[in-house]
Amino acid sequence: MKADNRNILARGRVATRLPAQDLERARRFYAERLGLEPVDERPGGLLYRCGDTEFALFKSTGAAPGTFTQMGWQVDDVETIVAELEQRGVTFEEVDLPGFRTKDGIAEIDGKYRSKGGRGECAAWFRDSEGNLLGSGEPVV
């Protein structure tokens, strides 16, 4: 009898992979600006852990489009995160679109996934040294 493999990926862990044209420049950005150090490395790759998740930077000849959020952190206090990272030289994106506007780098987003509860989130976005668009968000309860 064949095993039911319909949810085979749901049992796995998800890990983000971000391209870096200059891996050493990216390493410096993540250390100096974000306060993150790799927990492991291999030729052409740096592995980072945040909580019980991980992401990797990999040497790539391609460039990130930076047109969408490639990775995000869920945080308890997005205002504090923005203030701290700005002090370290991180520049947050300002967005002014119909129905979506940032103020001092932070957007209030209505609506939330039902499974997460609350009424929305506050979020902020910045780019790393390689052009990857990264975000942080705080649930609004």
N, C-alpha and C. Protein backbone atom coordinates (compact mmCIF):
# COMPACT_ATOMS: atom_id res chain seq x y z
N MET A 1 0.85 -1.18 0.00
CA MET A 1 0.00 0.00 0.00
C MET A 1 0.89 1.24 0.00
N LYS A 2 0.59 2.19 -0.85
CA LYS A 2 1.37 3.41 -0.98
C LYS A 2 0.98 4.42 0.10
N ALA A 3 1.99 5.06 0.68
CA ALA A 3 1.76 6.06 1.72
C ALA A 3 1.07 7.29 1.14
N ASP A 4 0.27 7.95 1.96
CA ASP A 4 -0.38 9.19 1.55
C ASP A 4 0.64 10.32 1.64
N ASN A 5 1.09 10.82 0.50
CA ASN A 5 2.13 11.84 0.45
C ASN A 5 1.59 13.22 0.10
N ARG A 6 0.29 13.42 0.23
CA ARG A 6 -0.28 14.72 -0.13
C ARG A 6 0.26 15.86 0.72
N ASN A 7 0.61 15.59 1.95
CA ASN A 7 1.09 16.66 2.82
C ASN A 7 2.57 16.48 3.16
N ILE A 8 3.32 15.85 2.30
CA ILE A 8 4.74 15.57 2.58
C ILE A 8 5.54 16.83 2.85
N LEU A 9 5.29 17.92 2.13
CA LEU A 9 6.02 19.16 2.37
C LEU A 9 5.57 19.86 3.65
N ALA A 10 4.33 19.67 4.05
CA ALA A 10 3.83 20.31 5.27
C ALA A 10 4.56 19.80 6.51
N ARG A 11 5.17 18.64 6.42
CA ARG A 11 5.92 18.10 7.56
C ARG A 11 7.36 18.63 7.60
N GLY A 12 7.79 19.29 6.54
CA GLY A 12 9.15 19.81 6.48
C GLY A 12 9.26 21.18 7.11
N ARG A 13 10.49 21.68 7.18
CA ARG A 13 10.76 23.04 7.67
C ARG A 13 11.04 23.92 6.47
N VAL A 14 10.67 25.17 6.55
CA VAL A 14 10.93 26.13 5.48
C VAL A 14 12.14 26.96 5.88
N ALA A 15 13.03 27.17 4.92
CA ALA A 15 14.21 28.01 5.17
C ALA A 15 14.40 28.91 3.96
N THR A 16 14.55 30.19 4.20
CA THR A 16 14.73 31.18 3.14
C THR A 16 16.15 31.14 2.61
N ARG A 17 16.29 31.37 1.31
CA ARG A 17 17.60 31.51 0.67
C ARG A 17 17.62 32.86 -0.03
N LEU A 18 18.63 33.68 0.29
CA LEU A 18 18.74 35.01 -0.28
C LEU A 18 20.02 35.12 -1.10
N PRO A 19 19.95 35.64 -2.33
CA PRO A 19 21.15 35.77 -3.16
C PRO A 19 22.02 36.94 -2.71
N ALA A 20 23.33 36.76 -2.88
CA ALA A 20 24.30 37.81 -2.58
C ALA A 20 25.35 37.82 -3.68
N GLN A 21 25.47 38.94 -4.37
CA GLN A 21 26.52 39.05 -5.38
C GLN A 21 27.89 39.15 -4.72
N ASP A 22 27.97 39.74 -3.53
CA ASP A 22 29.22 39.87 -2.79
C ASP A 22 28.96 39.35 -1.38
N LEU A 23 29.35 38.11 -1.14
CA LEU A 23 29.05 37.44 0.12
C LEU A 23 29.73 38.11 1.32
N GLU A 24 30.93 38.60 1.15
CA GLU A 24 31.62 39.27 2.27
C GLU A 24 30.97 40.62 2.60
N ARG A 25 30.54 41.35 1.58
CA ARG A 25 29.82 42.60 1.82
C ARG A 25 28.52 42.30 2.58
N ALA A 26 27.81 41.24 2.16
CA ALA A 26 26.58 40.85 2.84
C ALA A 26 26.85 40.43 4.28
N ARG A 27 27.91 39.67 4.52
CA ARG A 27 28.27 39.26 5.87
C ARG A 27 28.46 40.48 6.77
N ARG A 28 29.17 41.49 6.26
CA ARG A 28 29.40 42.72 7.04
C ARG A 28 28.09 43.44 7.33
N PHE A 29 27.21 43.55 6.32
CA PHE A 29 25.92 44.21 6.52
C PHE A 29 25.12 43.51 7.61
N TYR A 30 25.00 42.19 7.52
CA TYR A 30 24.20 41.45 8.50
C TYR A 30 24.80 41.53 9.89
N ALA A 31 26.12 41.60 10.00
CA ALA A 31 26.78 41.72 11.30
C ALA A 31 26.67 43.14 11.85
N GLU A 32 27.09 44.12 11.06
CA GLU A 32 27.15 45.50 11.54
C GLU A 32 25.79 46.16 11.65
N ARG A 33 24.93 45.93 10.70
CA ARG A 33 23.63 46.61 10.69
C ARG A 33 22.53 45.85 11.44
N LEU A 34 22.53 44.51 11.30
CA LEU A 34 21.45 43.72 11.90
C LEU A 34 21.88 42.99 13.16
N GLY A 35 23.18 42.94 13.45
CA GLY A 35 23.66 42.26 14.64
C GLY A 35 23.60 40.75 14.54
N LEU A 36 23.64 40.22 13.33
CA LEU A 36 23.55 38.77 13.11
C LEU A 36 24.88 38.21 12.62
N GLU A 37 25.26 37.08 13.16
CA GLU A 37 26.46 36.37 12.73
C GLU A 37 26.06 35.00 12.21
N PRO A 38 26.74 34.51 11.19
CA PRO A 38 26.39 33.17 10.70
C PRO A 38 26.70 32.10 11.76
N VAL A 39 25.85 31.09 11.83
CA VAL A 39 26.08 29.97 12.74
C VAL A 39 26.87 28.87 12.04
N ASP A 40 26.93 28.95 10.72
CA ASP A 40 27.68 27.97 9.94
C ASP A 40 27.95 28.58 8.57
N GLU A 41 28.94 28.02 7.89
CA GLU A 41 29.21 28.49 6.53
C GLU A 41 29.83 27.37 5.72
N ARG A 42 29.73 27.53 4.43
CA ARG A 42 30.36 26.62 3.47
C ARG A 42 30.80 27.47 2.30
N PRO A 43 31.60 26.95 1.40
CA PRO A 43 32.00 27.77 0.25
C PRO A 43 30.76 28.30 -0.48
N GLY A 44 30.67 29.62 -0.57
CA GLY A 44 29.55 30.24 -1.27
C GLY A 44 28.28 30.37 -0.47
N GLY A 45 28.31 30.12 0.84
CA GLY A 45 27.07 30.21 1.61
C GLY A 45 27.28 30.50 3.08
N LEU A 46 26.37 31.28 3.66
CA LEU A 46 26.37 31.61 5.08
C LEU A 46 25.00 31.24 5.65
N LEU A 47 24.98 30.53 6.76
CA LEU A 47 23.74 30.10 7.39
C LEU A 47 23.52 30.89 8.68
N TYR A 48 22.32 31.45 8.84
CA TYR A 48 21.94 32.23 10.01
C TYR A 48 20.74 31.56 10.68
N ARG A 49 20.63 31.72 11.99
CA ARG A 49 19.46 31.24 12.73
C ARG A 49 18.86 32.40 13.50
N CYS A 50 17.55 32.49 13.46
CA CYS A 50 16.78 33.46 14.24
C CYS A 50 15.64 32.67 14.88
N GLY A 51 15.66 32.56 16.20
CA GLY A 51 14.67 31.73 16.86
C GLY A 51 14.83 30.29 16.40
N ASP A 52 13.73 29.66 16.02
CA ASP A 52 13.82 28.28 15.54
C ASP A 52 13.75 28.20 14.01
N THR A 53 14.07 29.31 13.35
CA THR A 53 14.08 29.34 11.88
C THR A 53 15.49 29.64 11.41
N GLU A 54 15.71 29.44 10.13
CA GLU A 54 17.02 29.74 9.57
C GLU A 54 16.88 30.32 8.17
N PHE A 55 17.92 31.03 7.76
CA PHE A 55 18.00 31.52 6.40
C PHE A 55 19.46 31.47 5.98
N ALA A 56 19.67 31.45 4.69
CA ALA A 56 21.02 31.38 4.16
C ALA A 56 21.22 32.46 3.11
N LEU A 57 22.41 33.01 3.09
CA LEU A 57 22.85 33.88 2.01
C LEU A 57 23.74 33.03 1.12
N PHE A 58 23.53 33.10 -0.19
CA PHE A 58 24.36 32.31 -1.08
C PHE A 58 24.94 33.18 -2.18
N LYS A 59 26.16 32.88 -2.57
CA LYS A 59 26.84 33.60 -3.64
C LYS A 59 26.08 33.37 -4.93
N SER A 60 25.71 34.46 -5.60
CA SER A 60 24.92 34.37 -6.81
C SER A 60 25.39 35.43 -7.80
N THR A 61 25.38 35.10 -9.07
CA THR A 61 25.71 36.09 -10.08
C THR A 61 24.48 36.90 -10.45
N GLY A 62 23.30 36.43 -10.05
CA GLY A 62 22.06 37.16 -10.30
C GLY A 62 21.81 38.17 -9.21
N ALA A 63 20.96 39.13 -9.52
CA ALA A 63 20.60 40.17 -8.55
C ALA A 63 19.16 39.97 -8.10
N ALA A 64 18.91 40.23 -6.83
CA ALA A 64 17.55 40.17 -6.30
C ALA A 64 16.73 41.30 -6.92
N PRO A 65 15.49 41.03 -7.33
CA PRO A 65 14.69 42.11 -7.91
C PRO A 65 14.32 43.18 -6.90
N GLY A 66 14.17 42.80 -5.63
CA GLY A 66 13.82 43.76 -4.60
C GLY A 66 12.45 44.38 -4.79
N THR A 67 11.57 43.70 -5.53
CA THR A 67 10.24 44.24 -5.80
C THR A 67 9.18 43.63 -4.89
N PHE A 68 9.58 42.75 -4.00
CA PHE A 68 8.65 42.12 -3.08
C PHE A 68 9.42 41.70 -1.83
N THR A 69 8.71 41.49 -0.73
CA THR A 69 9.36 41.07 0.50
C THR A 69 9.86 39.65 0.33
N GLN A 70 11.16 39.47 0.51
CA GLN A 70 11.77 38.15 0.35
C GLN A 70 11.88 37.39 1.66
N MET A 71 11.91 38.13 2.77
CA MET A 71 11.98 37.50 4.08
C MET A 71 11.52 38.53 5.11
N GLY A 72 10.88 38.05 6.17
CA GLY A 72 10.43 38.96 7.21
C GLY A 72 10.55 38.33 8.58
N TRP A 73 10.71 39.19 9.57
CA TRP A 73 10.75 38.78 10.96
C TRP A 73 9.45 39.22 11.62
N GLN A 74 8.84 38.35 12.42
CA GLN A 74 7.73 38.77 13.27
C GLN A 74 8.35 39.20 14.59
N VAL A 75 8.05 40.42 15.00
CA VAL A 75 8.68 41.00 16.19
C VAL A 75 7.61 41.48 17.17
N ASP A 76 8.02 41.76 18.40
CA ASP A 76 7.10 42.23 19.42
C ASP A 76 6.90 43.74 19.40
N ASP A 77 7.88 44.47 18.86
CA ASP A 77 7.82 45.93 18.90
C ASP A 77 8.52 46.49 17.66
N VAL A 78 7.77 46.69 16.60
CA VAL A 78 8.37 47.14 15.34
C VAL A 78 8.96 48.54 15.45
N GLU A 79 8.36 49.41 16.26
CA GLU A 79 8.91 50.76 16.42
C GLU A 79 10.32 50.72 17.02
N THR A 80 10.52 49.88 18.01
CA THR A 80 11.85 49.74 18.62
C THR A 80 12.84 49.16 17.62
N ILE A 81 12.42 48.17 16.85
CA ILE A 81 13.28 47.56 15.83
C ILE A 81 13.71 48.62 14.82
N VAL A 82 12.75 49.40 14.32
CA VAL A 82 13.07 50.44 13.33
C VAL A 82 14.05 51.45 13.93
N ALA A 83 13.79 51.92 15.14
CA ALA A 83 14.67 52.90 15.77
C ALA A 83 16.08 52.35 15.95
N GLU A 84 16.19 51.13 16.43
CA GLU A 84 17.50 50.52 16.67
C GLU A 84 18.26 50.31 15.36
N LEU A 85 17.59 49.79 14.34
CA LEU A 85 18.27 49.54 13.08
C LEU A 85 18.63 50.83 12.36
N GLU A 86 17.81 51.86 12.50
CA GLU A 86 18.17 53.16 11.91
C GLU A 86 19.44 53.70 12.56
N GLN A 87 19.59 53.52 13.87
CA GLN A 87 20.81 53.95 14.55
C GLN A 87 22.03 53.22 14.01
N ARG A 88 21.82 52.00 13.49
CA ARG A 88 22.92 51.21 12.93
C ARG A 88 23.13 51.49 11.43
N GLY A 89 22.36 52.42 10.88
CA GLY A 89 22.54 52.80 9.49
C GLY A 89 21.61 52.15 8.49
N VAL A 90 20.59 51.45 8.96
CA VAL A 90 19.62 50.83 8.06
C VAL A 90 18.61 51.89 7.63
N THR A 91 18.30 51.94 6.34
CA THR A 91 17.31 52.87 5.80
C THR A 91 16.02 52.12 5.51
N PHE A 92 14.93 52.60 6.05
CA PHE A 92 13.63 51.95 5.83
C PHE A 92 12.93 52.56 4.64
N GLU A 93 12.20 51.72 3.94
CA GLU A 93 11.47 52.13 2.75
C GLU A 93 10.28 53.01 3.13
N GLU A 94 10.04 54.04 2.35
CA GLU A 94 8.83 54.85 2.50
C GLU A 94 7.92 54.53 1.32
N VAL A 95 6.67 54.21 1.60
CA VAL A 95 5.71 53.82 0.57
C VAL A 95 4.52 54.76 0.65
N ASP A 96 4.07 55.23 -0.50
CA ASP A 96 2.89 56.09 -0.56
C ASP A 96 2.04 55.64 -1.75
N LEU A 97 1.17 54.69 -1.49
CA LEU A 97 0.26 54.14 -2.50
C LEU A 97 -1.16 54.26 -1.98
N PRO A 98 -2.15 54.25 -2.88
CA PRO A 98 -3.54 54.28 -2.40
C PRO A 98 -3.81 53.12 -1.45
N GLY A 99 -4.25 53.44 -0.24
CA GLY A 99 -4.59 52.43 0.75
C GLY A 99 -3.39 51.83 1.48
N PHE A 100 -2.21 52.31 1.17
CA PHE A 100 -1.01 51.74 1.80
C PHE A 100 0.06 52.82 1.89
N ARG A 101 0.32 53.27 3.11
CA ARG A 101 1.26 54.38 3.28
C ARG A 101 2.08 54.14 4.55
N THR A 102 3.37 54.41 4.46
CA THR A 102 4.21 54.34 5.65
C THR A 102 4.33 55.73 6.26
N LYS A 103 4.50 55.75 7.57
CA LYS A 103 4.79 56.98 8.29
C LYS A 103 6.00 56.67 9.16
N ASP A 104 7.08 57.43 8.94
CA ASP A 104 8.34 57.17 9.64
C ASP A 104 8.80 55.73 9.43
N GLY A 105 8.57 55.22 8.21
CA GLY A 105 9.04 53.88 7.84
C GLY A 105 8.14 52.74 8.25
N ILE A 106 6.99 53.02 8.91
CA ILE A 106 6.13 51.95 9.41
C ILE A 106 4.74 52.09 8.80
N ALA A 107 4.20 50.97 8.32
CA ALA A 107 2.85 50.93 7.74
C ALA A 107 1.92 50.19 8.68
N GLU A 108 0.68 50.65 8.73
CA GLU A 108 -0.37 49.91 9.44
C GLU A 108 -1.15 49.14 8.39
N ILE A 109 -1.22 47.83 8.55
CA ILE A 109 -1.87 46.96 7.58
C ILE A 109 -3.12 46.38 8.20
N ASP A 110 -4.27 46.67 7.58
CA ASP A 110 -5.53 46.12 8.06
C ASP A 110 -5.67 44.67 7.61
N GLY A 111 -6.39 43.91 8.41
CA GLY A 111 -6.65 42.52 8.08
C GLY A 111 -5.54 41.63 8.60
N LYS A 112 -5.91 40.43 8.93
CA LYS A 112 -4.96 39.48 9.48
C LYS A 112 -5.44 38.09 9.12
N TYR A 113 -4.52 37.18 9.04
CA TYR A 113 -4.91 35.79 8.84
C TYR A 113 -5.72 35.34 10.05
N ARG A 114 -6.86 34.70 9.82
CA ARG A 114 -7.72 34.29 10.93
C ARG A 114 -6.97 33.43 11.94
N SER A 115 -6.07 32.57 11.47
CA SER A 115 -5.35 31.68 12.37
C SER A 115 -4.40 32.43 13.30
N LYS A 116 -4.06 33.67 12.96
CA LYS A 116 -3.14 34.45 13.79
C LYS A 116 -3.87 35.41 14.72
N GLY A 117 -5.16 35.62 14.51
CA GLY A 117 -5.92 36.50 15.37
C GLY A 117 -5.55 37.96 15.16
N GLY A 118 -6.07 38.80 16.02
CA GLY A 118 -5.77 40.22 15.94
C GLY A 118 -6.53 40.91 14.82
N ARG A 119 -6.15 42.17 14.59
CA ARG A 119 -6.85 42.94 13.56
C ARG A 119 -5.94 43.41 12.45
N GLY A 120 -4.67 43.15 12.54
CA GLY A 120 -3.75 43.58 11.50
C GLY A 120 -2.33 43.54 12.00
N GLU A 121 -1.47 44.33 11.36
CA GLU A 121 -0.09 44.41 11.82
C GLU A 121 0.52 45.74 11.42
N CYS A 122 1.59 46.08 12.10
CA CYS A 122 2.43 47.20 11.72
C CYS A 122 3.68 46.58 11.12
N ALA A 123 4.16 47.14 10.01
CA ALA A 123 5.29 46.53 9.32
C ALA A 123 6.22 47.59 8.76
N ALA A 124 7.46 47.20 8.56
CA ALA A 124 8.48 48.08 8.00
C ALA A 124 9.41 47.25 7.12
N TRP A 125 9.96 47.88 6.08
CA TRP A 125 10.80 47.19 5.12
C TRP A 125 12.11 47.93 4.89
N PHE A 126 13.16 47.17 4.63
CA PHE A 126 14.46 47.72 4.29
C PHE A 126 15.16 46.77 3.33
N ARG A 127 16.20 47.27 2.71
CA ARG A 127 16.99 46.44 1.79
C ARG A 127 18.33 46.13 2.42
N ASP A 128 18.80 44.91 2.17
CA ASP A 128 20.15 44.58 2.62
C ASP A 128 21.17 45.08 1.60
N SER A 129 22.42 44.82 1.82
CA SER A 129 23.48 45.31 0.94
C SER A 129 23.40 44.74 -0.46
N GLU A 130 22.62 43.67 -0.64
CA GLU A 130 22.52 43.00 -1.94
C GLU A 130 21.22 43.32 -2.67
N GLY A 131 20.41 44.20 -2.10
CA GLY A 131 19.16 44.59 -2.73
C GLY A 131 17.96 43.74 -2.36
N ASN A 132 18.15 42.75 -1.47
CA ASN A 132 17.03 41.93 -1.02
C ASN A 132 16.11 42.78 -0.13
N LEU A 133 14.81 42.69 -0.38
CA LEU A 133 13.84 43.45 0.40
C LEU A 133 13.39 42.61 1.60
N LEU A 134 13.68 43.11 2.80
CA LEU A 134 13.41 42.41 4.05
C LEU A 134 12.42 43.21 4.87
N GLY A 135 11.66 42.54 5.70
CA GLY A 135 10.66 43.25 6.48
C GLY A 135 10.60 42.75 7.90
N SER A 136 9.91 43.53 8.72
CA SER A 136 9.59 43.10 10.08
C SER A 136 8.16 43.54 10.34
N GLY A 137 7.45 42.72 11.08
CA GLY A 137 6.05 43.03 11.36
C GLY A 137 5.68 42.69 12.78
N GLU A 138 4.77 43.49 13.32
CA GLU A 138 4.26 43.31 14.68
C GLU A 138 2.75 43.13 14.61
N PRO A 139 2.23 42.02 15.11
CA PRO A 139 0.77 41.83 15.13
C PRO A 139 0.10 42.92 15.96
N VAL A 140 -1.03 43.42 15.49
CA VAL A 140 -1.84 44.37 16.24
C VAL A 140 -3.07 43.61 16.75
N VAL A 141 -3.18 43.55 18.05
CA VAL A 141 -4.29 42.78 18.64
C VAL A 141 -5.45 43.66 19.03
